[in-house]
Structures are given as C-alpha cells and as structure tokens.
Amino acid sequence: MCKSRVLILVVFIAAVAVFLGACDSESNSDGNVKPTVNQTPKITAAPTVTNTPSPTPNIGNNVALYKKTQVSSTVDESYLQWGWGQEFINDGTLELSFTSAVKRNMDSPDVEEWIIIDLEKEYSIHLVILYPRQDNGRGFPEDYQIDVSSDNETWETVYTKTEDKGSEDEDVDPREIELEAVSARYIRLLATKLTDVPDTSDGYLLQMAEMEVYSFDEE
C-alpha cells in the first residue's frame, strides 16, 4: 500500500514537471515572456594613424648644376663677401644669390637682363625652377621668358610670363615652369621687365637665388 502511494507521488511530480516545462516553452515561443539579455558593447580600439609621407615625384636630374653660365651683367668680386655672385646661379644652394649690375638701370624697368646656362650637351628639358632670393623675394623680374637654343645663337621662346608680382609681395616660393619636352643645349632666362629693391639706390635689378633645369636624360 505504501509502495503504491510512493509510486503515485512520483508519477504526479513528474507530470507536474512536464507540464511546467511545456508552459515555459510555450511562453518563450509566443514572444510574451522572453529573458532579458544584457549585451555589453565591444570596445573598439582607436585606429592607428600611420603618417606615411607622400612619395616625392621623380622630376629627373638637375642638368644645370655647376654648368657654365653667361650673364648680361653682374657685380664685381667685392660683392662676394655679401653673398652676391654669378657663380651662385646654379651652385645647388639657396643661401647665396645672383644679382645683375647695380646702378645700371636707374630710370626704367623695361631693360633686358639675362642668364644663360650651357648644359654642355643637348637634353630633353621638361621643367625649369626659378628661386627668388630667399630673404625677401625682391629683385625677381615682373616679365620674363625661357628661351632654348642648340648653338647659343638662334633662340626659341618656350615660356612667357607677365605681371609676376612676387617681388612686390616678397614671395620667396620657387616658380616651377613645366615645359613640353624640348631638346636644347643652352637655356636662357630673359627678363624683360625688372623690379627695384625699395630703400636702396641700386636701380632696377634681376636677382635670383638659383636656376634649375630638369631632364630625365642621363648626364
């Protein structure tokens, strides 16, 4: 008799457990009762910033470096102590500068001054860079042109610039002159309108820190 009661109790408990399980399953399936899930957001690490410099474009070789020069006028050697001289036109540095002759052009800026560089052989030229004097940019021509030649006698103009106000604005940035590839041995900067340097009595001048000529040809 006792065993029968125990058996009935066990069966009853099991039935209740099955019933409760079924109810829980139904409540989850119909969406009325759902457990709350606390989802902690993931911490995203800050992106690593890589300061990779942009590659320097290949502009070729400066074929004017240390080559022979001719000028329309210049100062005598006494000016070397002040950092002025013809040899500074294409010496690869910007600290020293070239100037045309002082007090030569006192009355008008419309007087030509020029610089010629003998590249010593013909190159295919695609870029000329002109650097004003680096202390104040003064003396850079207002009107000028780039000429090329194969014999230093017959010249072809490949670039012309007018109303360059860099000297007036004290602009020391280089003037990068891109050319359609042209073959030449001699290259000339011809200044056709000069500028003066305020607070001096030197007149109208052509002044520059450096002249560079670029080619992809082998030297």
N, C-alpha and C. Protein backbone atom coordinates (compact mmCIF):
# COMPACT_ATOMS: atom_id res chain seq x y z
N MET A 1 0.83 -1.20 0.00
CA MET A 1 0.00 0.00 0.00
C MET A 1 0.86 1.24 0.00
N CYS A 2 1.88 1.26 0.85
CA CYS A 2 2.79 2.40 0.90
C CYS A 2 3.54 2.55 -0.40
N LYS A 3 3.97 1.42 -0.98
CA LYS A 3 4.69 1.49 -2.24
C LYS A 3 3.81 2.09 -3.33
N SER A 4 2.53 1.77 -3.33
CA SER A 4 1.62 2.32 -4.35
C SER A 4 1.51 3.83 -4.21
N ARG A 5 1.42 4.32 -2.94
CA ARG A 5 1.33 5.76 -2.73
C ARG A 5 2.61 6.47 -3.19
N VAL A 6 3.74 5.88 -2.88
CA VAL A 6 5.01 6.49 -3.32
C VAL A 6 5.07 6.56 -4.82
N LEU A 7 4.66 5.48 -5.49
CA LEU A 7 4.68 5.45 -6.95
C LEU A 7 3.76 6.50 -7.54
N ILE A 8 2.57 6.61 -6.93
CA ILE A 8 1.62 7.63 -7.43
C ILE A 8 2.22 9.02 -7.25
N LEU A 9 2.90 9.28 -6.13
CA LEU A 9 3.50 10.60 -5.86
C LEU A 9 4.59 10.91 -6.86
N VAL A 10 5.41 9.93 -7.16
CA VAL A 10 6.49 10.13 -8.13
C VAL A 10 5.93 10.46 -9.50
N VAL A 11 4.89 9.71 -9.90
CA VAL A 11 4.28 9.96 -11.22
C VAL A 11 3.68 11.35 -11.26
N PHE A 12 3.05 11.79 -10.14
CA PHE A 12 2.42 13.11 -10.07
C PHE A 12 3.47 14.22 -10.21
N ILE A 13 4.59 14.07 -9.49
CA ILE A 13 5.66 15.08 -9.56
C ILE A 13 6.23 15.18 -10.97
N ALA A 14 6.40 14.02 -11.59
CA ALA A 14 6.93 14.00 -12.95
C ALA A 14 5.98 14.69 -13.91
N ALA A 15 4.69 14.44 -13.74
CA ALA A 15 3.69 15.06 -14.61
C ALA A 15 3.68 16.57 -14.44
N VAL A 16 3.79 17.02 -13.18
CA VAL A 16 3.84 18.47 -12.94
C VAL A 16 5.06 19.09 -13.60
N ALA A 17 6.20 18.42 -13.50
CA ALA A 17 7.43 18.94 -14.12
C ALA A 17 7.29 19.06 -15.62
N VAL A 18 6.68 18.04 -16.25
CA VAL A 18 6.49 18.08 -17.70
C VAL A 18 5.58 19.22 -18.10
N PHE A 19 4.50 19.42 -17.27
CA PHE A 19 3.54 20.48 -17.54
C PHE A 19 4.19 21.86 -17.46
N LEU A 20 4.99 22.07 -16.39
CA LEU A 20 5.67 23.36 -16.23
C LEU A 20 6.66 23.61 -17.36
N GLY A 21 7.34 22.58 -17.76
CA GLY A 21 8.29 22.73 -18.86
C GLY A 21 7.60 23.10 -20.15
N ALA A 22 6.43 22.48 -20.37
CA ALA A 22 5.67 22.79 -21.58
C ALA A 22 5.20 24.23 -21.57
N CYS A 23 4.75 24.70 -20.41
CA CYS A 23 4.29 26.10 -20.30
C CYS A 23 5.42 27.08 -20.56
N ASP A 24 6.57 26.77 -20.03
CA ASP A 24 7.73 27.67 -20.23
C ASP A 24 8.10 27.73 -21.68
N SER A 25 8.03 26.56 -22.34
CA SER A 25 8.36 26.51 -23.76
C SER A 25 7.39 27.33 -24.57
N GLU A 26 6.12 27.26 -24.22
CA GLU A 26 5.11 27.99 -24.97
C GLU A 26 5.26 29.50 -24.75
N SER A 27 5.56 29.88 -23.50
CA SER A 27 5.68 31.31 -23.25
C SER A 27 6.87 31.91 -24.00
N ASN A 28 7.93 31.13 -24.18
CA ASN A 28 9.08 31.62 -24.93
C ASN A 28 8.79 31.68 -26.42
N SER A 29 8.00 30.70 -26.90
CA SER A 29 7.75 30.62 -28.33
C SER A 29 6.77 31.67 -28.81
N ASP A 30 5.82 32.09 -27.96
CA ASP A 30 4.85 33.07 -28.45
C ASP A 30 5.32 34.51 -28.24
N GLY A 31 6.48 34.72 -27.63
CA GLY A 31 7.06 36.04 -27.52
C GLY A 31 6.54 36.86 -26.37
N ASN A 32 5.67 36.32 -25.52
CA ASN A 32 5.14 37.10 -24.41
C ASN A 32 6.12 37.22 -23.26
N VAL A 33 6.84 36.18 -23.02
CA VAL A 33 7.80 36.19 -21.93
C VAL A 33 9.15 35.81 -22.48
N LYS A 34 10.08 36.73 -22.49
CA LYS A 34 11.41 36.47 -23.02
C LYS A 34 12.45 36.94 -22.03
N PRO A 35 13.50 36.21 -21.89
CA PRO A 35 14.54 36.63 -20.96
C PRO A 35 15.23 37.90 -21.45
N THR A 36 15.64 38.77 -20.52
CA THR A 36 16.38 39.99 -20.86
C THR A 36 17.86 39.67 -20.95
N VAL A 37 18.46 40.03 -22.08
CA VAL A 37 19.89 39.76 -22.29
C VAL A 37 20.63 41.08 -22.22
N ASN A 38 21.52 41.23 -21.28
CA ASN A 38 22.36 42.43 -21.16
C ASN A 38 23.60 42.26 -22.02
N GLN A 39 23.62 42.93 -23.19
CA GLN A 39 24.75 42.80 -24.11
C GLN A 39 25.68 43.99 -23.91
N THR A 40 26.83 43.70 -23.38
CA THR A 40 27.83 44.75 -23.19
C THR A 40 28.51 45.05 -24.52
N PRO A 41 28.44 46.30 -25.01
CA PRO A 41 29.06 46.60 -26.31
C PRO A 41 30.56 46.39 -26.28
N LYS A 42 31.08 45.94 -27.40
CA LYS A 42 32.51 45.73 -27.51
C LYS A 42 33.22 47.08 -27.60
N ILE A 43 34.39 47.17 -27.02
CA ILE A 43 35.20 48.39 -27.08
C ILE A 43 36.08 48.30 -28.32
N THR A 44 35.83 49.23 -29.23
CA THR A 44 36.61 49.25 -30.47
C THR A 44 37.85 50.11 -30.27
N ALA A 45 39.00 49.55 -30.52
CA ALA A 45 40.25 50.29 -30.35
C ALA A 45 40.34 51.42 -31.37
N ALA A 46 40.94 52.52 -30.96
CA ALA A 46 41.13 53.65 -31.87
C ALA A 46 42.03 53.22 -33.02
N PRO A 47 41.72 53.66 -34.24
CA PRO A 47 42.57 53.27 -35.37
C PRO A 47 43.97 53.83 -35.24
N THR A 48 44.91 53.06 -35.69
CA THR A 48 46.30 53.50 -35.68
C THR A 48 46.53 54.43 -36.87
N VAL A 49 47.05 55.62 -36.59
CA VAL A 49 47.32 56.59 -37.64
C VAL A 49 48.77 56.44 -38.08
N THR A 50 48.94 56.15 -39.34
CA THR A 50 50.29 56.00 -39.89
C THR A 50 50.61 57.21 -40.74
N ASN A 51 51.56 57.98 -40.28
CA ASN A 51 51.94 59.19 -41.01
C ASN A 51 52.96 58.84 -42.08
N THR A 52 52.45 58.34 -43.18
CA THR A 52 53.33 57.98 -44.29
C THR A 52 53.42 59.16 -45.24
N PRO A 53 54.59 59.72 -45.41
CA PRO A 53 54.70 60.88 -46.31
C PRO A 53 54.39 60.50 -47.74
N SER A 54 53.83 61.44 -48.48
CA SER A 54 53.57 61.20 -49.88
C SER A 54 54.90 61.04 -50.62
N PRO A 55 54.95 60.14 -51.57
CA PRO A 55 56.22 59.95 -52.29
C PRO A 55 56.59 61.19 -53.07
N THR A 56 57.87 61.52 -53.07
CA THR A 56 58.35 62.67 -53.83
C THR A 56 58.35 62.32 -55.31
N PRO A 57 57.68 63.11 -56.11
CA PRO A 57 57.64 62.78 -57.53
C PRO A 57 59.03 62.84 -58.16
N ASN A 58 59.30 61.95 -59.08
CA ASN A 58 60.58 61.93 -59.76
C ASN A 58 60.57 62.97 -60.86
N ILE A 59 61.37 64.01 -60.70
CA ILE A 59 61.39 65.08 -61.69
C ILE A 59 62.66 65.03 -62.54
N GLY A 60 63.48 64.01 -62.34
CA GLY A 60 64.66 63.85 -63.17
C GLY A 60 65.90 64.46 -62.56
N ASN A 61 66.84 64.80 -63.41
CA ASN A 61 68.14 65.34 -62.98
C ASN A 61 68.24 66.83 -63.25
N ASN A 62 68.82 67.54 -62.29
CA ASN A 62 69.09 68.96 -62.50
C ASN A 62 70.36 69.07 -63.35
N VAL A 63 70.17 69.18 -64.64
CA VAL A 63 71.31 69.15 -65.56
C VAL A 63 72.02 70.50 -65.66
N ALA A 64 71.52 71.51 -64.95
CA ALA A 64 72.17 72.83 -64.94
C ALA A 64 73.17 72.98 -63.82
N LEU A 65 73.20 72.04 -62.90
CA LEU A 65 74.03 72.18 -61.71
C LEU A 65 75.51 72.29 -62.06
N TYR A 66 76.12 73.37 -61.60
CA TYR A 66 77.55 73.65 -61.77
C TYR A 66 77.99 73.85 -63.22
N LYS A 67 77.05 74.00 -64.13
CA LYS A 67 77.43 74.20 -65.53
C LYS A 67 77.84 75.66 -65.77
N LYS A 68 78.51 75.91 -66.89
CA LYS A 68 78.98 77.25 -67.20
C LYS A 68 77.81 78.20 -67.44
N THR A 69 78.01 79.44 -67.02
CA THR A 69 76.96 80.45 -67.16
C THR A 69 77.48 81.69 -67.86
N GLN A 70 76.57 82.39 -68.50
CA GLN A 70 76.83 83.71 -69.06
C GLN A 70 75.73 84.64 -68.56
N VAL A 71 76.05 85.89 -68.32
CA VAL A 71 75.06 86.85 -67.84
C VAL A 71 75.22 88.17 -68.57
N SER A 72 74.13 88.93 -68.62
CA SER A 72 74.16 90.22 -69.28
C SER A 72 74.95 91.24 -68.48
N SER A 73 74.91 91.11 -67.17
CA SER A 73 75.69 91.99 -66.30
C SER A 73 75.72 91.38 -64.91
N THR A 74 76.71 91.78 -64.13
CA THR A 74 76.80 91.29 -62.76
C THR A 74 77.65 92.28 -61.95
N VAL A 75 77.85 91.97 -60.70
CA VAL A 75 78.66 92.82 -59.83
C VAL A 75 80.09 92.27 -59.78
N ASP A 76 81.02 93.10 -59.31
CA ASP A 76 82.40 92.63 -59.24
C ASP A 76 82.61 91.75 -58.00
N GLU A 77 83.81 91.23 -57.87
CA GLU A 77 84.09 90.25 -56.81
C GLU A 77 83.98 90.82 -55.41
N SER A 78 83.99 92.12 -55.28
CA SER A 78 83.88 92.71 -53.95
C SER A 78 82.53 92.38 -53.30
N TYR A 79 81.56 92.02 -54.14
CA TYR A 79 80.23 91.71 -53.61
C TYR A 79 80.14 90.28 -53.08
N LEU A 80 81.16 89.46 -53.33
CA LEU A 80 81.14 88.08 -52.86
C LEU A 80 81.02 88.01 -51.34
N GLN A 81 81.62 88.96 -50.66
CA GLN A 81 81.56 88.95 -49.20
C GLN A 81 80.14 89.15 -48.68
N TRP A 82 79.26 89.71 -49.53
CA TRP A 82 77.87 89.93 -49.15
C TRP A 82 76.96 88.82 -49.68
N GLY A 83 77.56 87.83 -50.34
CA GLY A 83 76.75 86.70 -50.83
C GLY A 83 76.16 86.89 -52.21
N TRP A 84 76.75 87.79 -53.02
CA TRP A 84 76.27 88.03 -54.37
C TRP A 84 77.35 87.63 -55.37
N GLY A 85 76.97 86.86 -56.39
CA GLY A 85 77.95 86.48 -57.40
C GLY A 85 77.34 85.63 -58.49
N GLN A 86 77.96 85.66 -59.67
CA GLN A 86 77.48 84.89 -60.81
C GLN A 86 77.52 83.39 -60.53
N GLU A 87 78.52 82.94 -59.77
CA GLU A 87 78.67 81.51 -59.51
C GLU A 87 77.56 80.93 -58.65
N PHE A 88 76.72 81.79 -58.08
CA PHE A 88 75.64 81.32 -57.22
C PHE A 88 74.36 81.02 -57.99
N ILE A 89 74.37 81.24 -59.30
CA ILE A 89 73.16 80.99 -60.10
C ILE A 89 72.76 79.53 -60.07
N ASN A 90 73.74 78.62 -60.11
CA ASN A 90 73.43 77.19 -60.23
C ASN A 90 74.39 76.35 -59.37
N ASP A 91 74.60 76.81 -58.13
CA ASP A 91 75.54 76.11 -57.24
C ASP A 91 74.85 75.11 -56.32
N GLY A 92 73.52 74.95 -56.45
CA GLY A 92 72.81 73.96 -55.65
C GLY A 92 72.41 74.43 -54.27
N THR A 93 72.62 75.71 -53.95
CA THR A 93 72.23 76.23 -52.64
C THR A 93 71.37 77.48 -52.83
N LEU A 94 70.55 77.76 -51.82
CA LEU A 94 69.66 78.92 -51.88
C LEU A 94 70.12 80.05 -50.97
N GLU A 95 71.18 79.83 -50.22
CA GLU A 95 71.61 80.85 -49.26
C GLU A 95 72.24 82.05 -49.94
N LEU A 96 72.88 81.83 -51.08
CA LEU A 96 73.58 82.90 -51.79
C LEU A 96 72.85 83.19 -53.10
N SER A 97 73.04 84.39 -53.64
CA SER A 97 72.23 84.82 -54.77
C SER A 97 73.06 85.51 -55.85
N PHE A 98 72.42 85.62 -57.02
CA PHE A 98 72.97 86.37 -58.14
C PHE A 98 72.24 87.70 -58.25
N THR A 99 72.96 88.72 -58.65
CA THR A 99 72.33 89.99 -58.98
C THR A 99 72.96 90.57 -60.23
N SER A 100 72.14 91.21 -61.03
CA SER A 100 72.69 91.97 -62.15
C SER A 100 73.38 93.23 -61.60
N ALA A 101 74.03 93.97 -62.48
CA ALA A 101 74.82 95.12 -62.05
C ALA A 101 73.97 96.20 -61.40
N VAL A 102 74.44 96.68 -60.27
CA VAL A 102 73.72 97.76 -59.58
C VAL A 102 73.98 99.09 -60.29
N LYS A 103 72.98 99.96 -60.21
CA LYS A 103 73.03 101.32 -60.78
C LYS A 103 73.15 101.31 -62.30
N ARG A 104 72.90 100.18 -62.93
CA ARG A 104 72.95 100.12 -64.39
C ARG A 104 71.64 100.59 -65.00
N ASN A 105 70.54 100.21 -64.37
CA ASN A 105 69.22 100.55 -64.88
C ASN A 105 68.50 101.40 -63.83
N MET A 106 68.72 102.68 -63.87
CA MET A 106 68.20 103.56 -62.82
C MET A 106 66.83 104.14 -63.14
N ASP A 107 66.52 104.29 -64.41
CA ASP A 107 65.34 105.07 -64.78
C ASP A 107 64.13 104.24 -65.18
N SER A 108 64.33 103.07 -65.73
CA SER A 108 63.20 102.31 -66.28
C SER A 108 63.37 100.82 -66.00
N PRO A 109 62.25 100.14 -65.71
CA PRO A 109 62.33 98.69 -65.53
C PRO A 109 62.37 97.92 -66.85
N ASP A 110 62.08 98.61 -67.95
CA ASP A 110 61.96 97.94 -69.24
C ASP A 110 63.32 97.80 -69.92
N VAL A 111 64.23 97.19 -69.22
CA VAL A 111 65.58 96.93 -69.74
C VAL A 111 65.86 95.44 -69.57
N GLU A 112 66.39 94.82 -70.59
CA GLU A 112 66.60 93.37 -70.54
C GLU A 112 67.85 93.01 -69.74
N GLU A 113 67.71 91.98 -68.94
CA GLU A 113 68.85 91.29 -68.31
C GLU A 113 68.62 89.80 -68.52
N TRP A 114 69.71 89.05 -68.64
CA TRP A 114 69.53 87.63 -68.93
C TRP A 114 70.61 86.77 -68.28
N ILE A 115 70.27 85.49 -68.16
CA ILE A 115 71.17 84.45 -67.66
C ILE A 115 71.12 83.30 -68.65
N ILE A 116 72.28 82.84 -69.09
CA ILE A 116 72.37 81.68 -69.99
C ILE A 116 73.15 80.59 -69.30
N ILE A 117 72.65 79.37 -69.35
CA ILE A 117 73.37 78.20 -68.82
C ILE A 117 73.67 77.26 -69.97
N ASP A 118 74.94 76.90 -70.11
CA ASP A 118 75.39 75.93 -71.10
C ASP A 118 75.31 74.54 -70.46
N LEU A 119 74.38 73.72 -70.92
CA LEU A 119 74.20 72.37 -70.35
C LEU A 119 75.27 71.39 -70.85
N GLU A 120 76.09 71.85 -71.79
CA GLU A 120 77.26 71.13 -72.33
C GLU A 120 76.90 70.05 -73.34
N LYS A 121 75.66 69.63 -73.39
CA LYS A 121 75.16 68.77 -74.45
C LYS A 121 73.64 68.92 -74.48
N GLU A 122 73.01 68.38 -75.51
CA GLU A 122 71.57 68.53 -75.62
C GLU A 122 70.83 67.57 -74.68
N TYR A 123 69.82 68.11 -74.05
CA TYR A 123 68.94 67.33 -73.19
C TYR A 123 67.49 67.59 -73.59
N SER A 124 66.64 66.64 -73.27
CA SER A 124 65.20 66.85 -73.39
C SER A 124 64.73 67.47 -72.08
N ILE A 125 64.40 68.75 -72.10
CA ILE A 125 64.09 69.52 -70.89
C ILE A 125 62.58 69.58 -70.70
N HIS A 126 62.13 69.32 -69.47
CA HIS A 126 60.68 69.38 -69.20
C HIS A 126 60.31 70.28 -68.02
N LEU A 127 61.31 70.78 -67.29
CA LEU A 127 61.00 71.59 -66.11
C LEU A 127 62.14 72.56 -65.82
N VAL A 128 61.76 73.81 -65.53
CA VAL A 128 62.71 74.82 -65.08
C VAL A 128 62.17 75.38 -63.76
N ILE A 129 63.03 75.49 -62.76
CA ILE A 129 62.63 76.05 -61.47
C ILE A 129 63.49 77.27 -61.18
N LEU A 130 62.83 78.39 -60.92
CA LEU A 130 63.50 79.65 -60.60
C LEU A 130 63.23 80.00 -59.15
N TYR A 131 64.29 80.23 -58.38
CA TYR A 131 64.17 80.57 -56.97
C TYR A 131 64.50 82.05 -56.76
N PRO A 132 63.56 82.82 -56.20
CA PRO A 132 63.89 84.20 -55.84
C PRO A 132 64.90 84.22 -54.69
N ARG A 133 65.52 85.36 -54.46
CA ARG A 133 66.37 85.49 -53.28
C ARG A 133 65.52 85.18 -52.05
N GLN A 134 66.09 84.44 -51.11
CA GLN A 134 65.30 83.85 -50.05
C GLN A 134 65.08 84.73 -48.83
N ASP A 135 65.71 85.91 -48.77
CA ASP A 135 65.48 86.77 -47.60
C ASP A 135 64.20 87.58 -47.72
N ASN A 136 63.90 88.03 -48.96
CA ASN A 136 62.67 88.83 -49.10
C ASN A 136 62.03 88.73 -50.48
N GLY A 137 62.59 87.94 -51.38
CA GLY A 137 61.99 87.75 -52.70
C GLY A 137 62.11 88.93 -53.64
N ARG A 138 62.81 89.97 -53.22
CA ARG A 138 62.93 91.17 -54.03
C ARG A 138 63.85 90.93 -55.23
N GLY A 139 63.67 91.78 -56.25
CA GLY A 139 64.53 91.71 -57.43
C GLY A 139 64.12 90.66 -58.45
N PHE A 140 63.05 89.90 -58.17
CA PHE A 140 62.59 88.91 -59.15
C PHE A 140 61.85 89.63 -60.26
N PRO A 141 62.09 89.26 -61.52
CA PRO A 141 61.51 90.03 -62.62
C PRO A 141 59.99 89.94 -62.68
N GLU A 142 59.40 90.99 -63.19
CA GLU A 142 57.94 91.01 -63.36
C GLU A 142 57.54 90.34 -64.68
N ASP A 143 58.28 90.61 -65.74
CA ASP A 143 58.06 89.96 -67.04
C ASP A 143 59.32 89.20 -67.42
N TYR A 144 59.15 87.97 -67.88
CA TYR A 144 60.32 87.19 -68.27
C TYR A 144 59.90 86.05 -69.18
N GLN A 145 60.89 85.41 -69.78
CA GLN A 145 60.64 84.28 -70.66
C GLN A 145 61.78 83.28 -70.57
N ILE A 146 61.49 82.05 -70.98
CA ILE A 146 62.51 81.00 -71.07
C ILE A 146 62.75 80.71 -72.55
N ASP A 147 64.00 80.80 -72.95
CA ASP A 147 64.39 80.52 -74.33
C ASP A 147 65.36 79.35 -74.35
N VAL A 148 65.35 78.60 -75.45
CA VAL A 148 66.28 77.48 -75.61
C VAL A 148 66.99 77.60 -76.95
N SER A 149 68.17 76.97 -77.02
CA SER A 149 68.97 77.03 -78.23
C SER A 149 69.89 75.81 -78.30
N SER A 150 70.27 75.47 -79.50
CA SER A 150 71.24 74.39 -79.68
C SER A 150 72.63 74.93 -79.97
N ASP A 151 72.74 76.25 -80.31
CA ASP A 151 74.03 76.81 -80.71
C ASP A 151 74.37 78.12 -80.01
N ASN A 152 73.52 78.59 -79.09
CA ASN A 152 73.74 79.85 -78.37
C ASN A 152 73.63 81.06 -79.29
N GLU A 153 72.99 80.88 -80.43
CA GLU A 153 72.79 81.99 -81.37
C GLU A 153 71.32 82.14 -81.76
N THR A 154 70.72 81.05 -82.18
CA THR A 154 69.31 81.06 -82.56
C THR A 154 68.48 80.56 -81.39
N TRP A 155 67.50 81.39 -80.96
CA TRP A 155 66.75 81.09 -79.76
C TRP A 155 65.27 80.87 -80.06
N GLU A 156 64.68 79.94 -79.31
CA GLU A 156 63.25 79.69 -79.39
C GLU A 156 62.63 79.93 -78.01
N THR A 157 61.60 80.74 -77.96
CA THR A 157 60.91 81.01 -76.70
C THR A 157 59.91 79.89 -76.41
N VAL A 158 60.05 79.26 -75.24
CA VAL A 158 59.18 78.13 -74.89
C VAL A 158 58.27 78.46 -73.71
N TYR A 159 58.47 79.62 -73.11
CA TYR A 159 57.61 80.01 -71.99
C TYR A 159 57.69 81.53 -71.81
N THR A 160 56.53 82.14 -71.55
CA THR A 160 56.49 83.59 -71.31
C THR A 160 55.59 83.88 -70.11
N LYS A 161 56.06 84.77 -69.23
CA LYS A 161 55.30 85.17 -68.05
C LYS A 161 55.29 86.69 -67.95
N THR A 162 54.09 87.24 -67.68
CA THR A 162 53.98 88.68 -67.46
C THR A 162 53.28 88.95 -66.14
N GLU A 163 53.55 90.10 -65.58
CA GLU A 163 52.92 90.57 -64.35
C GLU A 163 53.10 89.60 -63.18
N ASP A 164 54.29 89.10 -63.03
CA ASP A 164 54.63 88.34 -61.82
C ASP A 164 54.90 89.36 -60.71
N LYS A 165 54.03 89.39 -59.72
CA LYS A 165 54.12 90.39 -58.65
C LYS A 165 54.85 89.84 -57.41
N GLY A 166 55.58 88.76 -57.59
CA GLY A 166 56.25 88.14 -56.45
C GLY A 166 57.22 89.05 -55.74
N SER A 167 57.97 89.86 -56.48
CA SER A 167 58.92 90.77 -55.85
C SER A 167 58.20 91.78 -54.97
N GLU A 168 57.12 92.32 -55.49
CA GLU A 168 56.33 93.30 -54.72
C GLU A 168 55.72 92.68 -53.47
N ASP A 169 55.31 91.40 -53.59
CA ASP A 169 54.68 90.70 -52.46
C ASP A 169 55.67 89.99 -51.56
N GLU A 170 56.95 90.11 -51.87
CA GLU A 170 58.01 89.43 -51.12
C GLU A 170 57.78 87.92 -51.06
N ASP A 171 57.46 87.38 -52.22
CA ASP A 171 57.18 85.95 -52.37
C ASP A 171 58.49 85.21 -52.63
N VAL A 172 58.87 84.30 -51.73
CA VAL A 172 60.13 83.57 -51.88
C VAL A 172 59.91 82.16 -52.46
N ASP A 173 58.68 81.82 -52.80
CA ASP A 173 58.40 80.49 -53.33
C ASP A 173 59.00 80.32 -54.72
N PRO A 174 59.45 79.13 -55.06
CA PRO A 174 60.02 78.90 -56.39
C PRO A 174 58.94 78.96 -57.46
N ARG A 175 59.34 79.36 -58.66
CA ARG A 175 58.45 79.34 -59.82
C ARG A 175 58.78 78.07 -60.60
N GLU A 176 57.85 77.13 -60.61
CA GLU A 176 58.05 75.86 -61.31
C GLU A 176 57.42 75.96 -62.69
N ILE A 177 58.25 75.89 -63.69
CA ILE A 177 57.81 76.11 -65.07
C ILE A 177 57.86 74.77 -65.81
N GLU A 178 56.71 74.21 -66.08
CA GLU A 178 56.64 72.93 -66.80
C GLU A 178 56.61 73.20 -68.30
N LEU A 179 57.41 72.45 -69.01
CA LEU A 179 57.52 72.62 -70.46
C LEU A 179 57.12 71.35 -71.17
N GLU A 180 56.61 71.51 -72.38
CA GLU A 180 56.55 70.37 -73.28
C GLU A 180 57.99 69.99 -73.59
N ALA A 181 58.31 68.72 -73.48
CA ALA A 181 59.71 68.31 -73.63
C ALA A 181 60.33 68.94 -74.87
N VAL A 182 61.43 69.68 -74.63
CA VAL A 182 62.11 70.37 -75.72
C VAL A 182 63.59 70.06 -75.64
N SER A 183 64.20 69.81 -76.77
CA SER A 183 65.61 69.47 -76.81
C SER A 183 66.45 70.73 -76.95
N ALA A 184 67.46 70.87 -76.06
CA ALA A 184 68.29 72.08 -76.11
C ALA A 184 69.59 71.84 -75.36
N ARG A 185 70.62 72.58 -75.75
CA ARG A 185 71.88 72.59 -75.01
C ARG A 185 71.99 73.85 -74.16
N TYR A 186 71.50 74.97 -74.67
CA TYR A 186 71.55 76.23 -73.94
C TYR A 186 70.15 76.64 -73.51
N ILE A 187 70.06 77.18 -72.33
CA ILE A 187 68.78 77.67 -71.84
C ILE A 187 69.00 79.06 -71.26
N ARG A 188 68.04 79.94 -71.54
CA ARG A 188 68.19 81.34 -71.16
C ARG A 188 66.95 81.84 -70.41
N LEU A 189 67.19 82.49 -69.29
CA LEU A 189 66.16 83.27 -68.63
C LEU A 189 66.34 84.71 -69.10
N LEU A 190 65.35 85.22 -69.80
CA LEU A 190 65.41 86.59 -70.31
C LEU A 190 64.37 87.43 -69.57
N ALA A 191 64.84 88.34 -68.74
CA ALA A 191 63.96 89.25 -68.00
C ALA A 191 63.74 90.49 -68.84
N THR A 192 62.47 90.80 -69.14
CA THR A 192 62.15 91.93 -70.00
C THR A 192 61.53 93.10 -69.23
N LYS A 193 61.18 92.88 -67.96
CA LYS A 193 60.74 93.97 -67.10
C LYS A 193 61.26 93.69 -65.70
N LEU A 194 62.12 94.55 -65.22
CA LEU A 194 62.81 94.34 -63.95
C LEU A 194 62.03 94.97 -62.80
N THR A 195 62.49 94.70 -61.59
CA THR A 195 61.91 95.32 -60.40
C THR A 195 63.03 95.96 -59.58
N ASP A 196 62.66 96.92 -58.77
CA ASP A 196 63.65 97.56 -57.92
C ASP A 196 63.52 97.05 -56.49
N VAL A 197 64.51 97.32 -55.70
CA VAL A 197 64.51 96.94 -54.29
C VAL A 197 64.31 98.21 -53.49
N PRO A 198 63.19 98.33 -52.75
CA PRO A 198 62.92 99.56 -52.01
C PRO A 198 64.04 99.91 -51.03
N ASP A 199 64.14 101.17 -50.75
CA ASP A 199 65.09 101.69 -49.76
C ASP A 199 66.54 101.49 -50.18
N THR A 200 66.78 101.35 -51.48
CA THR A 200 68.15 101.30 -51.98
C THR A 200 68.25 102.26 -53.16
N SER A 201 69.45 102.51 -53.58
CA SER A 201 69.68 103.35 -54.77
C SER A 201 70.37 102.53 -55.85
N ASP A 202 70.03 101.22 -55.93
CA ASP A 202 70.70 100.32 -56.86
C ASP A 202 70.01 100.23 -58.21
N GLY A 203 68.81 100.80 -58.32
CA GLY A 203 68.10 100.76 -59.58
C GLY A 203 67.31 99.48 -59.76
N TYR A 204 66.93 99.23 -61.04
CA TYR A 204 66.15 98.03 -61.36
C TYR A 204 67.11 96.87 -61.61
N LEU A 205 66.80 95.72 -60.99
CA LEU A 205 67.74 94.60 -60.98
C LEU A 205 67.07 93.28 -61.33
N LEU A 206 67.89 92.33 -61.74
CA LEU A 206 67.49 90.93 -61.83
C LEU A 206 68.24 90.20 -60.72
N GLN A 207 67.50 89.65 -59.76
CA GLN A 207 68.13 88.95 -58.64
C GLN A 207 67.47 87.59 -58.46
N MET A 208 68.29 86.57 -58.20
CA MET A 208 67.79 85.20 -58.05
C MET A 208 68.71 84.41 -57.13
N ALA A 209 68.13 83.42 -56.46
CA ALA A 209 68.93 82.54 -55.62
C ALA A 209 69.44 81.33 -56.41
N GLU A 210 68.63 80.83 -57.35
CA GLU A 210 69.03 79.60 -58.05
C GLU A 210 68.17 79.41 -59.30
N MET A 211 68.78 78.79 -60.30
CA MET A 211 68.08 78.38 -61.51
C MET A 211 68.37 76.91 -61.74
N GLU A 212 67.32 76.10 -61.83
CA GLU A 212 67.46 74.66 -62.03
C GLU A 212 66.78 74.25 -63.33
N VAL A 213 67.37 73.26 -64.01
CA VAL A 213 66.82 72.76 -65.28
C VAL A 213 66.78 71.24 -65.18
N TYR A 214 65.61 70.65 -65.46
CA TYR A 214 65.44 69.21 -65.23
C TYR A 214 65.18 68.44 -66.52
N SER A 215 65.81 67.26 -66.54
CA SER A 215 65.66 66.34 -67.67
C SER A 215 65.68 64.91 -67.12
N PHE A 216 64.99 64.02 -67.83
CA PHE A 216 65.06 62.59 -67.46
C PHE A 216 66.22 61.90 -68.17
N ASP A 217 66.93 62.61 -69.02
CA ASP A 217 68.09 62.03 -69.72
C ASP A 217 69.23 61.78 -68.74
N GLU A 218 70.05 60.82 -69.06
CA GLU A 218 71.25 60.56 -68.27
C GLU A 218 72.28 61.65 -68.54
N GLU A 219 72.98 62.03 -67.49
CA GLU A 219 74.04 63.05 -67.66
C GLU A 219 75.30 62.40 -68.21
